[in-house]
PDB file of all heavy atoms in Angstrom:
ATOM      1  N   PHE A   1      -8.615  -2.832   5.732  1.00  0.00           N
ATOM      2  CA  PHE A   1      -8.695  -2.195   7.038  1.00  0.00           C
ATOM      3  C   PHE A   1      -7.538  -1.216   7.154  1.00  0.00           C
ATOM      4  O   PHE A   1      -6.435  -1.486   6.670  1.00  0.00           O
ATOM      5  CB  PHE A   1      -8.628  -3.242   8.159  1.00  0.00           C
ATOM      6  CG  PHE A   1      -9.012  -2.712   9.512  1.00  0.00           C
ATOM      7  CD1 PHE A   1     -10.347  -2.608   9.874  1.00  0.00           C
ATOM      8  CD2 PHE A   1      -8.046  -2.315  10.425  1.00  0.00           C
ATOM      9  CE1 PHE A   1     -10.714  -2.107  11.110  1.00  0.00           C
ATOM     10  CE2 PHE A   1      -8.394  -1.817  11.673  1.00  0.00           C
ATOM     11  CZ  PHE A   1      -9.738  -1.719  12.023  1.00  0.00           C
ATOM     12  N   GLN A   2      -7.786  -0.079   7.811  1.00  0.00           N
ATOM     13  CA  GLN A   2      -6.794   0.987   7.867  1.00  0.00           C
ATOM     14  C   GLN A   2      -6.574   1.462   9.307  1.00  0.00           C
ATOM     15  O   GLN A   2      -7.500   1.450  10.120  1.00  0.00           O
ATOM     16  CB  GLN A   2      -7.270   2.204   7.048  1.00  0.00           C
ATOM     17  CG  GLN A   2      -7.713   1.913   5.642  1.00  0.00           C
ATOM     18  CD  GLN A   2      -6.562   1.824   4.668  1.00  0.00           C
ATOM     19  OE1 GLN A   2      -5.387   1.858   5.049  1.00  0.00           O
ATOM     20  NE2 GLN A   2      -6.866   1.715   3.390  1.00  0.00           N
ATOM     21  N   TRP A   3      -5.336   1.892   9.567  1.00  0.00           N
ATOM     22  CA  TRP A   3      -5.063   2.661  10.793  1.00  0.00           C
ATOM     23  C   TRP A   3      -3.715   3.345  10.594  1.00  0.00           C
ATOM     24  O   TRP A   3      -2.676   2.852  11.000  1.00  0.00           O
ATOM     25  CB  TRP A   3      -5.045   1.777  12.037  1.00  0.00           C
ATOM     26  CG  TRP A   3      -5.430   2.558  13.284  1.00  0.00           C
ATOM     27  CD1 TRP A   3      -4.814   3.680  13.764  1.00  0.00           C
ATOM     28  CD2 TRP A   3      -6.537   2.293  14.160  1.00  0.00           C
ATOM     29  NE1 TRP A   3      -5.453   4.134  14.882  1.00  0.00           N
ATOM     30  CE2 TRP A   3      -6.528   3.299  15.162  1.00  0.00           C
ATOM     31  CE3 TRP A   3      -7.524   1.317  14.205  1.00  0.00           C
ATOM     32  CZ2 TRP A   3      -7.460   3.336  16.192  1.00  0.00           C
ATOM     33  CZ3 TRP A   3      -8.450   1.352  15.228  1.00  0.00           C
ATOM     34  CH2 TRP A   3      -8.419   2.357  16.216  1.00  0.00           C
ATOM     35  N   HIS A   4      -3.734   4.499   9.933  1.00  0.00           N
ATOM     36  CA  HIS A   4      -2.463   5.171   9.639  1.00  0.00           C
ATOM     37  C   HIS A   4      -2.676   6.656   9.440  1.00  0.00           C
ATOM     38  O   HIS A   4      -3.770   7.106   9.092  1.00  0.00           O
ATOM     39  CB  HIS A   4      -1.808   4.564   8.390  1.00  0.00           C
ATOM     40  CG  HIS A   4      -2.518   4.889   7.101  1.00  0.00           C
ATOM     41  ND1 HIS A   4      -2.093   5.885   6.256  1.00  0.00           N
ATOM     42  CD2 HIS A   4      -3.620   4.362   6.526  1.00  0.00           C
ATOM     43  CE1 HIS A   4      -2.894   5.955   5.216  1.00  0.00           C
ATOM     44  NE2 HIS A   4      -3.839   5.042   5.350  1.00  0.00           N
ATOM     45  N   GLY A   5      -1.591   7.404   9.627  1.00  0.00           N
ATOM     46  CA  GLY A   5      -1.597   8.837   9.395  1.00  0.00           C
ATOM     47  C   GLY A   5      -0.530   9.281   8.422  1.00  0.00           C
ATOM     48  O   GLY A   5      -0.453  10.454   8.061  1.00  0.00           O
ATOM     49  N   GLU A   6       0.319   8.337   7.983  1.00  0.00           N
ATOM     50  CA  GLU A   6       1.375   8.632   7.025  1.00  0.00           C
ATOM     51  C   GLU A   6       1.166   7.799   5.763  1.00  0.00           C
ATOM     52  O   GLU A   6       0.340   6.886   5.737  1.00  0.00           O
ATOM     53  CB  GLU A   6       2.759   8.364   7.639  1.00  0.00           C
ATOM     54  CG  GLU A   6       3.103   9.316   8.770  1.00  0.00           C
ATOM     55  CD  GLU A   6       4.536   9.201   9.241  1.00  0.00           C
ATOM     56  OE1 GLU A   6       5.011   8.045   9.413  1.00  0.00           O
ATOM     57  OE2 GLU A   6       5.182  10.231   9.460  1.00  0.00           O
ATOM     58  N   THR A   7       1.934   8.114   4.745  1.00  0.00           N
ATOM     59  CA  THR A   7       1.812   7.406   3.474  1.00  0.00           C
ATOM     60  C   THR A   7       3.187   7.282   2.827  1.00  0.00           C
ATOM     61  O   THR A   7       4.068   8.103   3.065  1.00  0.00           O
ATOM     62  CB  THR A   7       0.855   8.156   2.525  1.00  0.00           C
ATOM     63  OG1 THR A   7       0.733   7.421   1.300  1.00  0.00           O
ATOM     64  CG2 THR A   7       1.361   9.556   2.220  1.00  0.00           C
ATOM     65  N   PHE A   8       3.356   6.250   2.003  1.00  0.00           N
ATOM     66  CA  PHE A   8       4.630   6.070   1.303  1.00  0.00           C
ATOM     67  C   PHE A   8       4.500   6.474  -0.160  1.00  0.00           C
ATOM     68  O   PHE A   8       3.410   6.485  -0.738  1.00  0.00           O
ATOM     69  CB  PHE A   8       5.124   4.622   1.408  1.00  0.00           C
ATOM     70  CG  PHE A   8       4.143   3.552   0.964  1.00  0.00           C
ATOM     71  CD1 PHE A   8       3.691   3.461  -0.345  1.00  0.00           C
ATOM     72  CD2 PHE A   8       3.686   2.605   1.869  1.00  0.00           C
ATOM     73  CE1 PHE A   8       2.814   2.483  -0.750  1.00  0.00           C
ATOM     74  CE2 PHE A   8       2.804   1.612   1.486  1.00  0.00           C
ATOM     75  CZ  PHE A   8       2.365   1.550   0.163  1.00  0.00           C
ATOM     76  N   SER A   9       5.641   6.799  -0.754  1.00  0.00           N
ATOM     77  CA  SER A   9       5.703   6.963  -2.203  1.00  0.00           C
ATOM     78  C   SER A   9       6.048   5.599  -2.809  1.00  0.00           C
ATOM     79  O   SER A   9       6.594   4.723  -2.140  1.00  0.00           O
ATOM     80  CB  SER A   9       6.747   8.001  -2.602  1.00  0.00           C
ATOM     81  OG  SER A   9       8.055   7.540  -2.313  1.00  0.00           O
ATOM     82  N   ILE A  10       5.708   5.432  -4.081  1.00  0.00           N
ATOM     83  CA  ILE A  10       6.040   4.191  -4.780  1.00  0.00           C
ATOM     84  C   ILE A  10       7.538   4.222  -5.093  1.00  0.00           C
ATOM     85  O   ILE A  10       8.011   5.134  -5.782  1.00  0.00           O
ATOM     86  CB  ILE A  10       5.228   4.043  -6.071  1.00  0.00           C
ATOM     87  CG1 ILE A  10       3.724   4.149  -5.779  1.00  0.00           C
ATOM     88  CG2 ILE A  10       5.563   2.711  -6.751  1.00  0.00           C
ATOM     89  CD1 ILE A  10       3.183   3.110  -4.839  1.00  0.00           C
ATOM     90  N   PRO A  11       8.327   3.266  -4.599  1.00  0.00           N
ATOM     91  CA  PRO A  11       9.776   3.323  -4.828  1.00  0.00           C
ATOM     92  C   PRO A  11      10.126   3.099  -6.289  1.00  0.00           C
ATOM     93  O   PRO A  11       9.336   2.524  -7.051  1.00  0.00           O
ATOM     94  CB  PRO A  11      10.308   2.198  -3.933  1.00  0.00           C
ATOM     95  CG  PRO A  11       9.157   1.270  -3.731  1.00  0.00           C
ATOM     96  CD  PRO A  11       7.933   2.120  -3.761  1.00  0.00           C
ATOM     97  N   PRO A  12      11.302   3.555  -6.699  1.00  0.00           N
ATOM     98  CA  PRO A  12      11.720   3.413  -8.102  1.00  0.00           C
ATOM     99  C   PRO A  12      11.654   1.962  -8.570  1.00  0.00           C
ATOM    100  O   PRO A  12      12.097   1.044  -7.872  1.00  0.00           O
ATOM    101  CB  PRO A  12      13.170   3.920  -8.080  1.00  0.00           C
ATOM    102  CG  PRO A  12      13.217   4.865  -6.926  1.00  0.00           C
ATOM    103  CD  PRO A  12      12.302   4.281  -5.893  1.00  0.00           C
ATOM    104  N   GLY A  13      11.076   1.753  -9.744  1.00  0.00           N
ATOM    105  CA  GLY A  13      10.990   0.425 -10.339  1.00  0.00           C
ATOM    106  C   GLY A  13       9.774  -0.372  -9.932  1.00  0.00           C
ATOM    107  O   GLY A  13       9.460  -1.392 -10.551  1.00  0.00           O
ATOM    108  N   ALA A  14       9.070   0.063  -8.875  1.00  0.00           N
ATOM    109  CA  ALA A  14       7.886  -0.650  -8.412  1.00  0.00           C
ATOM    110  C   ALA A  14       6.652  -0.156  -9.159  1.00  0.00           C
ATOM    111  O   ALA A  14       6.660   0.909  -9.779  1.00  0.00           O
ATOM    112  CB  ALA A  14       7.705  -0.465  -6.913  1.00  0.00           C
ATOM    113  N   GLN A  15       5.564  -0.938  -9.078  1.00  0.00           N
ATOM    114  CA  GLN A  15       4.328  -0.568  -9.749  1.00  0.00           C
ATOM    115  C   GLN A  15       3.193  -0.398  -8.741  1.00  0.00           C
ATOM    116  O   GLN A  15       3.039  -1.190  -7.818  1.00  0.00           O
ATOM    117  CB  GLN A  15       3.942  -1.626 -10.789  1.00  0.00           C
ATOM    118  CG  GLN A  15       4.825  -1.597 -12.021  1.00  0.00           C
ATOM    119  CD  GLN A  15       4.262  -2.464 -13.140  1.00  0.00           C
ATOM    120  OE1 GLN A  15       4.590  -3.637 -13.246  1.00  0.00           O
ATOM    121  NE2 GLN A  15       3.423  -1.871 -13.966  1.00  0.00           N
ATOM    122  N   HIS A  16       2.423   0.641  -8.945  1.00  0.00           N
ATOM    123  CA  HIS A  16       1.259   0.938  -8.115  1.00  0.00           C
ATOM    124  C   HIS A  16       0.168  -0.092  -8.382  1.00  0.00           C
ATOM    125  O   HIS A  16      -0.157  -0.391  -9.528  1.00  0.00           O
ATOM    126  CB  HIS A  16       0.764   2.344  -8.456  1.00  0.00           C
ATOM    127  CG  HIS A  16      -0.408   2.796  -7.667  1.00  0.00           C
ATOM    128  ND1 HIS A  16      -1.710   2.555  -8.064  1.00  0.00           N
ATOM    129  CD2 HIS A  16      -0.491   3.489  -6.505  1.00  0.00           C
ATOM    130  CE1 HIS A  16      -2.541   3.078  -7.182  1.00  0.00           C
ATOM    131  NE2 HIS A  16      -1.827   3.653  -6.234  1.00  0.00           N
ATOM    132  N   LEU A  17      -0.422  -0.646  -7.308  1.00  0.00           N
ATOM    133  CA  LEU A  17      -1.470  -1.653  -7.453  1.00  0.00           C
ATOM    134  C   LEU A  17      -2.833  -1.191  -6.958  1.00  0.00           C
ATOM    135  O   LEU A  17      -3.857  -1.554  -7.549  1.00  0.00           O
ATOM    136  CB  LEU A  17      -1.092  -2.934  -6.687  1.00  0.00           C
ATOM    137  CG  LEU A  17       0.133  -3.711  -7.136  1.00  0.00           C
ATOM    138  CD1 LEU A  17       0.279  -4.966  -6.290  1.00  0.00           C
ATOM    139  CD2 LEU A  17       0.041  -4.072  -8.611  1.00  0.00           C
ATOM    140  N   PHE A  18      -2.869  -0.454  -5.850  1.00  0.00           N
ATOM    141  CA  PHE A  18      -4.123  -0.151  -5.166  1.00  0.00           C
ATOM    142  C   PHE A  18      -4.085   1.282  -4.645  1.00  0.00           C
ATOM    143  O   PHE A  18      -3.033   1.759  -4.195  1.00  0.00           O
ATOM    144  CB  PHE A  18      -4.267  -1.086  -3.955  1.00  0.00           C
ATOM    145  CG  PHE A  18      -5.431  -2.040  -4.006  1.00  0.00           C
ATOM    146  CD1 PHE A  18      -6.312  -2.083  -5.075  1.00  0.00           C
ATOM    147  CD2 PHE A  18      -5.664  -2.899  -2.940  1.00  0.00           C
ATOM    148  CE1 PHE A  18      -7.375  -2.963  -5.102  1.00  0.00           C
ATOM    149  CE2 PHE A  18      -6.725  -3.787  -2.950  1.00  0.00           C
ATOM    150  CZ  PHE A  18      -7.585  -3.826  -4.039  1.00  0.00           C
ATOM    151  N   GLY A  19      -5.213   1.968  -4.666  1.00  0.00           N
ATOM    152  CA  GLY A  19      -5.301   3.298  -4.090  1.00  0.00           C
ATOM    153  C   GLY A  19      -6.748   3.666  -3.836  1.00  0.00           C
ATOM    154  O   GLY A  19      -7.664   2.967  -4.275  1.00  0.00           O
ATOM    155  N   ASN A  20      -6.965   4.774  -3.114  1.00  0.00           N
ATOM    156  CA  ASN A  20      -8.320   5.287  -2.940  1.00  0.00           C
ATOM    157  C   ASN A  20      -8.280   6.804  -2.778  1.00  0.00           C
ATOM    158  O   ASN A  20      -7.217   7.422  -2.856  1.00  0.00           O
ATOM    159  CB  ASN A  20      -9.044   4.604  -1.766  1.00  0.00           C
ATOM    160  CG  ASN A  20      -8.410   4.878  -0.412  1.00  0.00           C
ATOM    161  OD1 ASN A  20      -7.671   5.849  -0.232  1.00  0.00           O
ATOM    162  ND2 ASN A  20      -8.684   4.023   0.555  1.00  0.00           N
ATOM    163  N   THR A  21      -9.429   7.429  -2.566  1.00  0.00           N
ATOM    164  CA  THR A  21      -9.488   8.888  -2.524  1.00  0.00           C
ATOM    165  C   THR A  21      -8.800   9.468  -1.299  1.00  0.00           C
ATOM    166  O   THR A  21      -8.381  10.628  -1.317  1.00  0.00           O
ATOM    167  CB  THR A  21     -10.948   9.363  -2.545  1.00  0.00           C
ATOM    168  OG1 THR A  21     -11.657   8.760  -1.449  1.00  0.00           O
ATOM    169  CG2 THR A  21     -11.633   8.973  -3.844  1.00  0.00           C
ATOM    170  N   HIS A  22      -8.679   8.687  -0.233  1.00  0.00           N
ATOM    171  CA  HIS A  22      -8.078   9.192   1.001  1.00  0.00           C
ATOM    172  C   HIS A  22      -6.554   8.998   1.028  1.00  0.00           C
ATOM    173  O   HIS A  22      -5.850   9.724   1.739  1.00  0.00           O
ATOM    174  CB  HIS A  22      -8.682   8.494   2.211  1.00  0.00           C
ATOM    175  CG  HIS A  22     -10.168   8.633   2.309  1.00  0.00           C
ATOM    176  ND1 HIS A  22     -10.792   9.858   2.340  1.00  0.00           N
ATOM    177  CD2 HIS A  22     -11.153   7.696   2.367  1.00  0.00           C
ATOM    178  CE1 HIS A  22     -12.099   9.675   2.427  1.00  0.00           C
ATOM    179  NE2 HIS A  22     -12.342   8.385   2.432  1.00  0.00           N
ATOM    180  N   CYS A  23      -6.063   8.025   0.296  1.00  0.00           N
ATOM    181  CA  CYS A  23      -4.625   7.722   0.278  1.00  0.00           C
ATOM    182  C   CYS A  23      -4.307   7.075  -1.073  1.00  0.00           C
ATOM    183  O   CYS A  23      -4.707   5.940  -1.333  1.00  0.00           O
ATOM    184  CB  CYS A  23      -4.263   6.792   1.436  1.00  0.00           C
ATOM    185  SG  CYS A  23      -2.514   6.347   1.516  1.00  0.00           S
ATOM    186  N   THR A  24      -3.590   7.801  -1.901  1.00  0.00           N
ATOM    187  CA  THR A  24      -3.359   7.354  -3.281  1.00  0.00           C
ATOM    188  C   THR A  24      -2.585   6.047  -3.344  1.00  0.00           C
ATOM    189  O   THR A  24      -2.901   5.160  -4.149  1.00  0.00           O
ATOM    190  CB  THR A  24      -2.589   8.438  -4.054  1.00  0.00           C
ATOM    191  OG1 THR A  24      -3.349   9.645  -4.045  1.00  0.00           O
ATOM    192  CG2 THR A  24      -2.336   8.023  -5.489  1.00  0.00           C
ATOM    193  N   ASN A  25      -1.579   5.904  -2.503  1.00  0.00           N
ATOM    194  CA  ASN A  25      -0.696   4.739  -2.582  1.00  0.00           C
ATOM    195  C   ASN A  25      -1.025   3.726  -1.478  1.00  0.00           C
ATOM    196  O   ASN A  25      -0.542   3.848  -0.349  1.00  0.00           O
ATOM    197  CB  ASN A  25       0.770   5.172  -2.490  1.00  0.00           C
ATOM    198  CG  ASN A  25       1.172   6.045  -3.657  1.00  0.00           C
ATOM    199  OD1 ASN A  25       0.645   5.921  -4.751  1.00  0.00           O
ATOM    200  ND2 ASN A  25       2.110   6.953  -3.421  1.00  0.00           N
ATOM    201  N   GLN A  26      -1.840   2.754  -1.819  1.00  0.00           N
ATOM    202  CA  GLN A  26      -2.219   1.721  -0.854  1.00  0.00           C
ATOM    203  C   GLN A  26      -1.406   0.435  -1.012  1.00  0.00           C
ATOM    204  O   GLN A  26      -1.326  -0.351  -0.080  1.00  0.00           O
ATOM    205  CB  GLN A  26      -3.701   1.369  -1.015  1.00  0.00           C
ATOM    206  CG  GLN A  26      -4.661   2.489  -0.642  1.00  0.00           C
ATOM    207  CD  GLN A  26      -4.807   2.670   0.850  1.00  0.00           C
ATOM    208  OE1 GLN A  26      -4.323   1.870   1.654  1.00  0.00           O
ATOM    209  NE2 GLN A  26      -5.490   3.726   1.254  1.00  0.00           N
ATOM    210  N   MET A  27      -0.778   0.262  -2.172  1.00  0.00           N
ATOM    211  CA  MET A  27      -0.086  -1.009  -2.402  1.00  0.00           C
ATOM    212  C   MET A  27       0.837  -0.885  -3.613  1.00  0.00           C
ATOM    213  O   MET A  27       0.484  -0.225  -4.592  1.00  0.00           O
ATOM    214  CB  MET A  27      -1.124  -2.114  -2.636  1.00  0.00           C
ATOM    215  CG  MET A  27      -0.628  -3.530  -2.553  1.00  0.00           C
ATOM    216  SD  MET A  27      -2.003  -4.725  -2.783  1.00  0.00           S
ATOM    217  CE  MET A  27      -3.080  -4.320  -1.389  1.00  0.00           C
ATOM    218  N   PHE A  28       2.005  -1.526  -3.535  1.00  0.00           N
ATOM    219  CA  PHE A  28       2.903  -1.579  -4.684  1.00  0.00           C
ATOM    220  C   PHE A  28       3.576  -2.944  -4.748  1.00  0.00           C
ATOM    221  O   PHE A  28       3.673  -3.654  -3.743  1.00  0.00           O
ATOM    222  CB  PHE A  28       3.966  -0.468  -4.633  1.00  0.00           C
ATOM    223  CG  PHE A  28       4.980  -0.602  -3.527  1.00  0.00           C
ATOM    224  CD1 PHE A  28       6.104  -1.406  -3.659  1.00  0.00           C
ATOM    225  CD2 PHE A  28       4.823   0.107  -2.340  1.00  0.00           C
ATOM    226  CE1 PHE A  28       7.055  -1.510  -2.637  1.00  0.00           C
ATOM    227  CE2 PHE A  28       5.756   0.011  -1.324  1.00  0.00           C
ATOM    228  CZ  PHE A  28       6.867  -0.805  -1.466  1.00  0.00           C
ATOM    229  N   ALA A  29       4.020  -3.290  -5.945  1.00  0.00           N
ATOM    230  CA  ALA A  29       4.746  -4.544  -6.152  1.00  0.00           C
ATOM    231  C   ALA A  29       6.045  -4.244  -6.873  1.00  0.00           C
ATOM    232  O   ALA A  29       6.108  -3.372  -7.743  1.00  0.00           O
ATOM    233  CB  ALA A  29       3.911  -5.531  -6.959  1.00  0.00           C
ATOM    234  N   LEU A  30       7.068  -4.983  -6.503  1.00  0.00           N
ATOM    235  CA  LEU A  30       8.370  -4.916  -7.169  1.00  0.00           C
ATOM    236  C   LEU A  30       8.852  -6.353  -7.307  1.00  0.00           C
ATOM    237  O   LEU A  30       9.367  -6.939  -6.348  1.00  0.00           O
ATOM    238  CB  LEU A  30       9.358  -4.078  -6.356  1.00  0.00           C
ATOM    239  CG  LEU A  30      10.779  -3.975  -6.914  1.00  0.00           C
ATOM    240  CD1 LEU A  30      10.775  -3.220  -8.243  1.00  0.00           C
ATOM    241  CD2 LEU A  30      11.707  -3.281  -5.912  1.00  0.00           C
ATOM    242  N   GLY A  31       8.653  -6.947  -8.475  1.00  0.00           N
ATOM    243  CA  GLY A  31       8.972  -8.366  -8.631  1.00  0.00           C
ATOM    244  C   GLY A  31       8.152  -9.196  -7.661  1.00  0.00           C
ATOM    245  O   GLY A  31       6.922  -9.090  -7.618  1.00  0.00           O
ATOM    246  N   PRO A  32       8.810 -10.023  -6.809  1.00  0.00           N
ATOM    247  CA  PRO A  32       8.073 -10.858  -5.857  1.00  0.00           C
ATOM    248  C   PRO A  32       7.767 -10.170  -4.534  1.00  0.00           C
ATOM    249  O   PRO A  32       7.301 -10.805  -3.591  1.00  0.00           O
ATOM    250  CB  PRO A  32       9.040 -12.028  -5.628  1.00  0.00           C
ATOM    251  CG  PRO A  32      10.394 -11.391  -5.714  1.00  0.00           C
ATOM    252  CD  PRO A  32      10.258 -10.326  -6.794  1.00  0.00           C
ATOM    253  N   HIS A  33       7.999  -8.864  -4.461  1.00  0.00           N
ATOM    254  CA  HIS A  33       7.874  -8.130  -3.200  1.00  0.00           C
ATOM    255  C   HIS A  33       6.597  -7.282  -3.217  1.00  0.00           C
ATOM    256  O   HIS A  33       6.266  -6.653  -4.227  1.00  0.00           O
ATOM    257  CB  HIS A  33       9.092  -7.235  -2.996  1.00  0.00           C
ATOM    258  CG  HIS A  33      10.388  -7.913  -3.320  1.00  0.00           C
ATOM    259  ND1 HIS A  33      10.894  -8.949  -2.555  1.00  0.00           N
ATOM    260  CD2 HIS A  33      11.259  -7.740  -4.355  1.00  0.00           C
ATOM    261  CE1 HIS A  33      12.040  -9.369  -3.092  1.00  0.00           C
ATOM    262  NE2 HIS A  33      12.272  -8.654  -4.174  1.00  0.00           N
ATOM    263  N   LEU A  34       5.918  -7.235  -2.072  1.00  0.00           N
ATOM    264  CA  LEU A  34       4.630  -6.542  -1.976  1.00  0.00           C
ATOM    265  C   LEU A  34       4.614  -5.630  -0.765  1.00  0.00           C
ATOM    266  O   LEU A  34       4.777  -6.081   0.373  1.00  0.00           O
ATOM    267  CB  LEU A  34       3.495  -7.567  -1.863  1.00  0.00           C
ATOM    268  CG  LEU A  34       2.076  -6.987  -1.792  1.00  0.00           C
ATOM    269  CD1 LEU A  34       1.685  -6.366  -3.121  1.00  0.00           C
ATOM    270  CD2 LEU A  34       1.078  -8.076  -1.399  1.00  0.00           C
ATOM    271  N   GLY A  35       4.405  -4.329  -1.004  1.00  0.00           N
ATOM    272  CA  GLY A  35       4.296  -3.363   0.079  1.00  0.00           C
ATOM    273  C   GLY A  35       2.875  -2.833   0.165  1.00  0.00           C
ATOM    274  O   GLY A  35       2.304  -2.419  -0.851  1.00  0.00           O
ATOM    275  N   MET A  36       2.299  -2.830   1.363  1.00  0.00           N
ATOM    276  CA  MET A  36       0.912  -2.395   1.554  1.00  0.00           C
ATOM    277  C   MET A  36       0.844  -1.298   2.616  1.00  0.00           C
ATOM    278  O   MET A  36       1.488  -1.394   3.653  1.00  0.00           O
ATOM    279  CB  MET A  36       0.044  -3.576   2.010  1.00  0.00           C
ATOM    280  CG  MET A  36      -0.095  -4.674   0.977  1.00  0.00           C
ATOM    281  SD  MET A  36      -1.071  -6.083   1.597  1.00  0.00           S
ATOM    282  CE  MET A  36       0.165  -6.893   2.647  1.00  0.00           C
ATOM    283  N   GLN A  37       0.033  -0.266   2.345  1.00  0.00           N
ATOM    284  CA  GLN A  37      -0.293   0.715   3.367  1.00  0.00           C
ATOM    285  C   GLN A  37      -1.434   0.203   4.238  1.00  0.00           C
ATOM    286  O   GLN A  37      -1.514   0.502   5.424  1.00  0.00           O
ATOM    287  CB  GLN A  37      -0.685   2.034   2.718  1.00  0.00           C
ATOM    288  CG  GLN A  37      -1.009   3.141   3.701  1.00  0.00           C
ATOM    289  CD  GLN A  37       0.143   3.407   4.638  1.00  0.00           C
ATOM    290  OE1 GLN A  37       1.156   3.969   4.227  1.00  0.00           O
ATOM    291  NE2 GLN A  37       0.028   3.006   5.889  1.00  0.00           N
ATOM    292  N   CYS A  38      -2.305  -0.559   3.644  1.00  0.00           N
ATOM    293  CA  CYS A  38      -3.483  -1.087   4.331  1.00  0.00           C
ATOM    294  C   CYS A  38      -3.147  -2.368   5.093  1.00  0.00           C
ATOM    295  O   CYS A  38      -2.086  -2.966   4.928  1.00  0.00           O
ATOM    296  CB  CYS A  38      -4.599  -1.351   3.327  1.00  0.00           C
ATOM    297  SG  CYS A  38      -4.081  -2.307   1.890  1.00  0.00           S
ATOM    298  N   HIS A  39      -4.088  -2.767   5.916  1.00  0.00           N
ATOM    299  CA  HIS A  39      -3.985  -4.014   6.674  1.00  0.00           C
ATOM    300  C   HIS A  39      -4.952  -5.035   6.083  1.00  0.00           C
ATOM    301  O   HIS A  39      -6.159  -4.801   6.063  1.00  0.00           O
ATOM    302  CB  HIS A  39      -4.357  -3.784   8.145  1.00  0.00           C
ATOM    303  CG  HIS A  39      -3.400  -2.943   8.904  1.00  0.00           C
ATOM    304  ND1 HIS A  39      -2.269  -3.453   9.514  1.00  0.00           N
ATOM    305  CD2 HIS A  39      -3.403  -1.613   9.176  1.00  0.00           C
ATOM    306  CE1 HIS A  39      -1.615  -2.479  10.126  1.00  0.00           C
ATOM    307  NE2 HIS A  39      -2.282  -1.353   9.938  1.00  0.00           N
ATOM    308  N   VAL A  40      -4.434  -6.170   5.627  1.00  0.00           N
ATOM    309  CA  VAL A  40      -5.308  -7.266   5.177  1.00  0.00           C
ATOM    310  C   VAL A  40      -5.162  -8.482   6.086  1.00  0.00           C
ATOM    311  O   VAL A  40      -5.778  -9.510   5.841  1.00  0.00           O
ATOM    312  CB  VAL A  40      -5.012  -7.656   3.710  1.00  0.00           C
ATOM    313  CG1 VAL A  40      -5.250  -6.482   2.775  1.00  0.00           C
ATOM    314  CG2 VAL A  40      -3.591  -8.199   3.558  1.00  0.00           C
ATOM    315  N   GLU A  41      -4.370  -8.340   7.143  1.00  0.00           N
ATOM    316  CA  GLU A  41      -4.064  -9.465   8.037  1.00  0.00           C
ATOM    317  C   GLU A  41      -4.952  -9.496   9.274  1.00  0.00           C
ATOM    318  O   GLU A  41      -4.788 -10.371  10.144  1.00  0.00           O
ATOM    319  CB  GLU A  41      -2.595  -9.375   8.484  1.00  0.00           C
ATOM    320  CG  GLU A  41      -2.292  -8.403   9.616  1.00  0.00           C
ATOM    321  CD  GLU A  41      -2.230  -6.933   9.233  1.00  0.00           C
ATOM    322  OE1 GLU A  41      -2.647  -6.585   8.097  1.00  0.00           O
ATOM    323  OE2 GLU A  41      -1.765  -6.134  10.048  1.00  0.00           O
ATOM    324  N   MET A  42      -5.908  -8.585   9.352  1.00  0.00           N
ATOM    325  CA  MET A  42      -6.667  -8.395  10.589  1.00  0.00           C
ATOM    326  C   MET A  42      -7.526  -9.615  10.962  1.00  0.00           C
ATOM    327  O   MET A  42      -8.053 -10.306  10.102  1.00  0.00           O
ATOM    328  CB  MET A  42      -7.568  -7.169  10.460  1.00  0.00           C
ATOM    329  CG  MET A  42      -6.835  -5.873  10.160  1.00  0.00           C
ATOM    330  SD  MET A  42      -5.530  -5.479  11.334  1.00  0.00           S
ATOM    331  CE  MET A  42      -6.502  -5.156  12.815  1.00  0.00           C
ATOM    332  N   THR A  43      -7.637  -9.816  12.269  1.00  0.00           N
ATOM    333  CA  THR A  43      -8.542 -10.804  12.844  1.00  0.00           C
ATOM    334  C   THR A  43      -9.515 -10.049  13.746  1.00  0.00           C
ATOM    335  O   THR A  43      -9.249  -8.912  14.146  1.00  0.00           O
ATOM    336  CB  THR A  43      -7.790 -11.844  13.676  1.00  0.00           C
ATOM    337  OG1 THR A  43      -7.175 -11.176  14.804  1.00  0.00           O
ATOM    338  CG2 THR A  43      -6.708 -12.543  12.847  1.00  0.00           C
ATOM    339  N   PRO A  44     -10.655 -10.660  14.106  1.00  0.00           N
ATOM    340  CA  PRO A  44     -11.574  -9.983  15.021  1.00  0.00           C
ATOM    341  C   PRO A  44     -10.902  -9.580  16.332  1.00  0.00           C
ATOM    342  O   PRO A  44     -11.192  -8.497  16.876  1.00  0.00           O
ATOM    343  CB  PRO A  44     -12.676 -11.022  15.241  1.00  0.00           C
ATOM    344  CG  PRO A  44     -12.664 -11.848  14.003  1.00  0.00           C
ATOM    345  CD  PRO A  44     -11.223 -11.939  13.606  1.00  0.00           C
TER     346      PRO A  44
END
């Protein structure tokens, strides 16, 4: 699920995990840390 108008770059040392045609950087991991552009926590 999405609701955003900005995007992040993948920080140094992190790895790209997820992307799509509308926003290249949807998710990155750095060791045990996880950064997401998208929302996976949504409830009805």
